[in-house]
Amino acid sequence: MIGVLVLGILNIIFGCIIVTLGSYYQADSHEQVLSEIAHPIVYRLIDFSLVFSSFVMGFDMVA
């Protein structure tokens, strides 16, 4: 339960950071923000982890 709480807090913090950077760069998607702030390899890893975690959460909600 502590891990879930920590991950929830981290999700809120990083979500706020991405929204703030998206506003700063006038971006339409997270890809534009990540390509501006991260190395291409790191950008691909973060993008993959976002897509994968969204798929897992969606699959869990359906189950």
PDB file of N, CA and C in Angstrom:
ATOM      1  N   MET A   1       0.813  -1.195   0.000  1.00  0.00           N
ATOM      2  CA  MET A   1       0.000   0.000   0.000  1.00  0.00           C
ATOM      3  C   MET A   1       0.860   1.263   0.000  1.00  0.00           C
ATOM      4  N   ILE A   2       2.000   1.185   0.653  1.00  0.00           N
ATOM      5  CA  ILE A   2       2.888   2.349   0.665  1.00  0.00           C
ATOM      6  C   ILE A   2       3.409   2.621  -0.744  1.00  0.00           C
ATOM      7  N   GLY A   3       3.728   1.560  -1.473  1.00  0.00           N
ATOM      8  CA  GLY A   3       4.193   1.717  -2.846  1.00  0.00           C
ATOM      9  C   GLY A   3       3.148   2.354  -3.744  1.00  0.00           C
ATOM     10  N   VAL A   4       1.896   1.967  -3.568  1.00  0.00           N
ATOM     11  CA  VAL A   4       0.804   2.550  -4.356  1.00  0.00           C
ATOM     12  C   VAL A   4       0.671   4.034  -4.032  1.00  0.00           C
ATOM     13  N   LEU A   5       0.779   4.369  -2.767  1.00  0.00           N
ATOM     14  CA  LEU A   5       0.692   5.769  -2.354  1.00  0.00           C
ATOM     15  C   LEU A   5       1.842   6.593  -2.935  1.00  0.00           C
ATOM     16  N   VAL A   6       3.054   6.058  -2.860  1.00  0.00           N
ATOM     17  CA  VAL A   6       4.221   6.765  -3.405  1.00  0.00           C
ATOM     18  C   VAL A   6       4.087   6.948  -4.911  1.00  0.00           C
ATOM     19  N   LEU A   7       3.683   5.891  -5.624  1.00  0.00           N
ATOM     20  CA  LEU A   7       3.519   6.004  -7.074  1.00  0.00           C
ATOM     21  C   LEU A   7       2.398   6.981  -7.448  1.00  0.00           C
ATOM     22  N   GLY A   8       1.339   7.013  -6.655  1.00  0.00           N
ATOM     23  CA  GLY A   8       0.268   7.980  -6.905  1.00  0.00           C
ATOM     24  C   GLY A   8       0.755   9.411  -6.755  1.00  0.00           C
ATOM     25  N   ILE A   9       1.537   9.660  -5.713  1.00  0.00           N
ATOM     26  CA  ILE A   9       2.085  11.004  -5.502  1.00  0.00           C
ATOM     27  C   ILE A   9       3.058  11.378  -6.617  1.00  0.00           C
ATOM     28  N   LEU A  10       3.925  10.436  -7.006  1.00  0.00           N
ATOM     29  CA  LEU A  10       4.861  10.707  -8.105  1.00  0.00           C
ATOM     30  C   LEU A  10       4.121  10.962  -9.411  1.00  0.00           C
ATOM     31  N   ASN A  11       3.035  10.233  -9.643  1.00  0.00           N
ATOM     32  CA  ASN A  11       2.243  10.440 -10.857  1.00  0.00           C
ATOM     33  C   ASN A  11       1.660  11.844 -10.882  1.00  0.00           C
ATOM     34  N   ILE A  12       1.171  12.319  -9.752  1.00  0.00           N
ATOM     35  CA  ILE A  12       0.637  13.679  -9.667  1.00  0.00           C
ATOM     36  C   ILE A  12       1.729  14.712  -9.920  1.00  0.00           C
ATOM     37  N   ILE A  13       2.888  14.520  -9.299  1.00  0.00           N
ATOM     38  CA  ILE A  13       3.996  15.485  -9.444  1.00  0.00           C
ATOM     39  C   ILE A  13       4.469  15.555 -10.890  1.00  0.00           C
ATOM     40  N   PHE A  14       4.753  14.386 -11.491  1.00  0.00           N
ATOM     41  CA  PHE A  14       5.249  14.398 -12.865  1.00  0.00           C
ATOM     42  C   PHE A  14       4.173  14.827 -13.854  1.00  0.00           C
ATOM     43  N   GLY A  15       2.909  14.537 -13.555  1.00  0.00           N
ATOM     44  CA  GLY A  15       1.817  15.022 -14.396  1.00  0.00           C
ATOM     45  C   GLY A  15       1.754  16.542 -14.405  1.00  0.00           C
ATOM     46  N   CYS A  16       1.915  17.142 -13.232  1.00  0.00           N
ATOM     47  CA  CYS A  16       1.924  18.610 -13.151  1.00  0.00           C
ATOM     48  C   CYS A  16       3.112  19.199 -13.904  1.00  0.00           C
ATOM     49  N   ILE A  17       4.259  18.557 -13.821  1.00  0.00           N
ATOM     50  CA  ILE A  17       5.440  19.040 -14.535  1.00  0.00           C
ATOM     51  C   ILE A  17       5.207  18.986 -16.042  1.00  0.00           C
ATOM     52  N   ILE A  18       4.676  17.880 -16.540  1.00  0.00           N
ATOM     53  CA  ILE A  18       4.434  17.743 -17.984  1.00  0.00           C
ATOM     54  C   ILE A  18       3.385  18.752 -18.455  1.00  0.00           C
ATOM     55  N   VAL A  19       2.330  18.970 -17.667  1.00  0.00           N
ATOM     56  CA  VAL A  19       1.302  19.951 -18.048  1.00  0.00           C
ATOM     57  C   VAL A  19       1.891  21.357 -18.088  1.00  0.00           C
ATOM     58  N   THR A  20       2.744  21.686 -17.112  1.00  0.00           N
ATOM     59  CA  THR A  20       3.380  23.001 -17.085  1.00  0.00           C
ATOM     60  C   THR A  20       4.299  23.186 -18.289  1.00  0.00           C
ATOM     61  N   LEU A  21       5.104  22.166 -18.586  1.00  0.00           N
ATOM     62  CA  LEU A  21       5.991  22.249 -19.758  1.00  0.00           C
ATOM     63  C   LEU A  21       5.189  22.288 -21.059  1.00  0.00           C
ATOM     64  N   GLY A  22       4.083  21.563 -21.117  1.00  0.00           N
ATOM     65  CA  GLY A  22       3.222  21.610 -22.305  1.00  0.00           C
ATOM     66  C   GLY A  22       2.668  22.993 -22.534  1.00  0.00           C
ATOM     67  N   SER A  23       2.320  23.674 -21.463  1.00  0.00           N
ATOM     68  CA  SER A  23       1.835  25.050 -21.575  1.00  0.00           C
ATOM     69  C   SER A  23       2.962  25.977 -22.035  1.00  0.00           C
ATOM     70  N   TYR A  24       4.150  25.756 -21.502  1.00  0.00           N
ATOM     71  CA  TYR A  24       5.294  26.593 -21.862  1.00  0.00           C
ATOM     72  C   TYR A  24       5.645  26.445 -23.342  1.00  0.00           C
ATOM     73  N   TYR A  25       5.661  25.218 -23.845  1.00  0.00           N
ATOM     74  CA  TYR A  25       6.025  24.965 -25.244  1.00  0.00           C
ATOM     75  C   TYR A  25       4.823  25.053 -26.192  1.00  0.00           C
ATOM     76  N   GLN A  26       3.626  25.354 -25.672  1.00  0.00           N
ATOM     77  CA  GLN A  26       2.404  25.417 -26.482  1.00  0.00           C
ATOM     78  C   GLN A  26       2.220  24.123 -27.273  1.00  0.00           C
ATOM     79  N   ALA A  27       2.392  23.003 -26.591  1.00  0.00           N
ATOM     80  CA  ALA A  27       2.366  21.692 -27.237  1.00  0.00           C
ATOM     81  C   ALA A  27       0.946  21.139 -27.297  1.00  0.00           C
ATOM     82  N   ASP A  28       0.706  20.324 -28.320  1.00  0.00           N
ATOM     83  CA  ASP A  28      -0.577  19.645 -28.466  1.00  0.00           C
ATOM     84  C   ASP A  28      -0.538  18.218 -27.927  1.00  0.00           C
ATOM     85  N   SER A  29       0.661  17.668 -27.722  1.00  0.00           N
ATOM     86  CA  SER A  29       0.775  16.308 -27.203  1.00  0.00           C
ATOM     87  C   SER A  29       2.041  16.185 -26.349  1.00  0.00           C
ATOM     88  N   HIS A  30       2.104  15.096 -25.597  1.00  0.00           N
ATOM     89  CA  HIS A  30       3.266  14.878 -24.739  1.00  0.00           C
ATOM     90  C   HIS A  30       4.538  14.652 -25.550  1.00  0.00           C
ATOM     91  N   GLU A  31       4.388  14.175 -26.783  1.00  0.00           N
ATOM     92  CA  GLU A  31       5.557  13.900 -27.633  1.00  0.00           C
ATOM     93  C   GLU A  31       6.341  15.171 -27.922  1.00  0.00           C
ATOM     94  N   GLN A  32       5.651  16.268 -28.142  1.00  0.00           N
ATOM     95  CA  GLN A  32       6.332  17.532 -28.424  1.00  0.00           C
ATOM     96  C   GLN A  32       7.139  17.995 -27.220  1.00  0.00           C
ATOM     97  N   VAL A  33       6.578  17.838 -26.031  1.00  0.00           N
ATOM     98  CA  VAL A  33       7.280  18.251 -24.821  1.00  0.00           C
ATOM     99  C   VAL A  33       8.494  17.359 -24.586  1.00  0.00           C
ATOM    100  N   LEU A  34       8.313  16.055 -24.678  1.00  0.00           N
ATOM    101  CA  LEU A  34       9.419  15.134 -24.427  1.00  0.00           C
ATOM    102  C   LEU A  34      10.546  15.304 -25.432  1.00  0.00           C
ATOM    103  N   SER A  35      10.208  15.579 -26.684  1.00  0.00           N
ATOM    104  CA  SER A  35      11.263  15.767 -27.684  1.00  0.00           C
ATOM    105  C   SER A  35      12.065  17.035 -27.423  1.00  0.00           C
ATOM    106  N   GLU A  36      11.457  18.019 -26.765  1.00  0.00           N
ATOM    107  CA  GLU A  36      12.163  19.260 -26.443  1.00  0.00           C
ATOM    108  C   GLU A  36      13.076  19.126 -25.228  1.00  0.00           C
ATOM    109  N   ILE A  37      12.691  18.304 -24.251  1.00  0.00           N
ATOM    110  CA  ILE A  37      13.416  18.291 -22.985  1.00  0.00           C
ATOM    111  C   ILE A  37      14.299  17.075 -22.776  1.00  0.00           C
ATOM    112  N   ALA A  38      14.180  16.056 -23.631  1.00  0.00           N
ATOM    113  CA  ALA A  38      14.914  14.818 -23.380  1.00  0.00           C
ATOM    114  C   ALA A  38      15.729  14.397 -24.596  1.00  0.00           C
ATOM    115  N   HIS A  39      16.779  13.635 -24.333  1.00  0.00           N
ATOM    116  CA  HIS A  39      17.583  13.004 -25.381  1.00  0.00           C
ATOM    117  C   HIS A  39      16.681  12.034 -26.150  1.00  0.00           C
ATOM    118  N   PRO A  40      16.914  11.830 -27.452  1.00  0.00           N
ATOM    119  CA  PRO A  40      16.027  10.957 -28.233  1.00  0.00           C
ATOM    120  C   PRO A  40      15.849   9.545 -27.659  1.00  0.00           C
ATOM    121  N   ILE A  41      16.887   8.970 -27.093  1.00  0.00           N
ATOM    122  CA  ILE A  41      16.755   7.627 -26.518  1.00  0.00           C
ATOM    123  C   ILE A  41      15.887   7.676 -25.263  1.00  0.00           C
ATOM    124  N   VAL A  42      16.136   8.654 -24.413  1.00  0.00           N
ATOM    125  CA  VAL A  42      15.338   8.812 -23.192  1.00  0.00           C
ATOM    126  C   VAL A  42      13.892   9.132 -23.556  1.00  0.00           C
ATOM    127  N   TYR A  43      13.713   9.957 -24.579  1.00  0.00           N
ATOM    128  CA  TYR A  43      12.373  10.312 -25.049  1.00  0.00           C
ATOM    129  C   TYR A  43      11.609   9.055 -25.453  1.00  0.00           C
ATOM    130  N   ARG A  44      12.242   8.161 -26.205  1.00  0.00           N
ATOM    131  CA  ARG A  44      11.582   6.924 -26.643  1.00  0.00           C
ATOM    132  C   ARG A  44      11.246   6.019 -25.456  1.00  0.00           C
ATOM    133  N   LEU A  45      12.144   5.935 -24.479  1.00  0.00           N
ATOM    134  CA  LEU A  45      11.883   5.110 -23.298  1.00  0.00           C
ATOM    135  C   LEU A  45      10.701   5.656 -22.493  1.00  0.00           C
ATOM    136  N   ILE A  46      10.665   6.964 -22.303  1.00  0.00           N
ATOM    137  CA  ILE A  46       9.560   7.573 -21.557  1.00  0.00           C
ATOM    138  C   ILE A  46       8.252   7.409 -22.327  1.00  0.00           C
ATOM    139  N   ASP A  47       8.289   7.611 -23.626  1.00  0.00           N
ATOM    140  CA  ASP A  47       7.088   7.479 -24.444  1.00  0.00           C
ATOM    141  C   ASP A  47       6.565   6.046 -24.385  1.00  0.00           C
ATOM    142  N   PHE A  48       7.476   5.069 -24.509  1.00  0.00           N
ATOM    143  CA  PHE A  48       7.065   3.668 -24.430  1.00  0.00           C
ATOM    144  C   PHE A  48       6.464   3.351 -23.065  1.00  0.00           C
ATOM    145  N   SER A  49       7.086   3.846 -21.994  1.00  0.00           N
ATOM    146  CA  SER A  49       6.568   3.558 -20.657  1.00  0.00           C
ATOM    147  C   SER A  49       5.196   4.200 -20.447  1.00  0.00           C
ATOM    148  N   LEU A  50       4.969   5.387 -20.999  1.00  0.00           N
ATOM    149  CA  LEU A  50       3.651   6.025 -20.892  1.00  0.00           C
ATOM    150  C   LEU A  50       2.581   5.227 -21.628  1.00  0.00           C
ATOM    151  N   VAL A  51       2.899   4.799 -22.848  1.00  0.00           N
ATOM    152  CA  VAL A  51       1.932   4.026 -23.629  1.00  0.00           C
ATOM    153  C   VAL A  51       1.671   2.677 -22.960  1.00  0.00           C
ATOM    154  N   PHE A  52       2.723   2.020 -22.500  1.00  0.00           N
ATOM    155  CA  PHE A  52       2.573   0.715 -21.860  1.00  0.00           C
ATOM    156  C   PHE A  52       1.768   0.818 -20.568  1.00  0.00           C
ATOM    157  N   SER A  53       2.064   1.821 -19.741  1.00  0.00           N
ATOM    158  CA  SER A  53       1.336   1.956 -18.480  1.00  0.00           C
ATOM    159  C   SER A  53      -0.127   2.310 -18.734  1.00  0.00           C
ATOM    160  N   SER A  54      -0.405   3.107 -19.755  1.00  0.00           N
ATOM    161  CA  SER A  54      -1.799   3.415 -20.094  1.00  0.00           C
ATOM    162  C   SER A  54      -2.543   2.155 -20.537  1.00  0.00           C
ATOM    163  N   PHE A  55      -1.861   1.327 -21.323  1.00  0.00           N
ATOM    164  CA  PHE A  55      -2.472   0.054 -21.761  1.00  0.00           C
ATOM    165  C   PHE A  55      -2.753  -0.837 -20.565  1.00  0.00           C
ATOM    166  N   VAL A  56      -1.804  -0.962 -19.659  1.00  0.00           N
ATOM    167  CA  VAL A  56      -1.971  -1.825 -18.485  1.00  0.00           C
ATOM    168  C   VAL A  56      -3.102  -1.316 -17.601  1.00  0.00           C
ATOM    169  N   MET A  57      -3.153  -0.010 -17.371  1.00  0.00           N
ATOM    170  CA  MET A  57      -4.233   0.541 -16.540  1.00  0.00           C
ATOM    171  C   MET A  57      -5.593   0.331 -17.199  1.00  0.00           C
ATOM    172  N   GLY A  58      -5.669   0.513 -18.514  1.00  0.00           N
ATOM    173  CA  GLY A  58      -6.915   0.289 -19.221  1.00  0.00           C
ATOM    174  C   GLY A  58      -7.337  -1.177 -19.180  1.00  0.00           C
ATOM    175  N   PHE A  59      -6.380  -2.064 -19.361  1.00  0.00           N
ATOM    176  CA  PHE A  59      -6.659  -3.496 -19.292  1.00  0.00           C
ATOM    177  C   PHE A  59      -7.137  -3.884 -17.899  1.00  0.00           C
ATOM    178  N   ASP A  60      -6.523  -3.311 -16.875  1.00  0.00           N
ATOM    179  CA  ASP A  60      -6.921  -3.591 -15.490  1.00  0.00           C
ATOM    180  C   ASP A  60      -8.333  -3.078 -15.212  1.00  0.00           C
ATOM    181  N   MET A  61      -8.683  -1.924 -15.745  1.00  0.00           N
ATOM    182  CA  MET A  61     -10.007  -1.378 -15.525  1.00  0.00           C
ATOM    183  C   MET A  61     -11.085  -2.236 -16.200  1.00  0.00           C
ATOM    184  N   VAL A  62     -10.758  -2.778 -17.361  1.00  0.00           N
ATOM    185  CA  VAL A  62     -11.728  -3.641 -18.050  1.00  0.00           C
ATOM    186  C   VAL A  62     -11.921  -4.934 -17.264  1.00  0.00           C
ATOM    187  N   ALA A  63     -10.812  -5.444 -16.713  1.00  0.00           N
ATOM    188  CA  ALA A  63     -10.898  -6.707 -15.946  1.00  0.00           C
ATOM    189  C   ALA A  63     -11.678  -6.473 -14.686  1.00  0.00           C
TER     190      ALA A  63
END
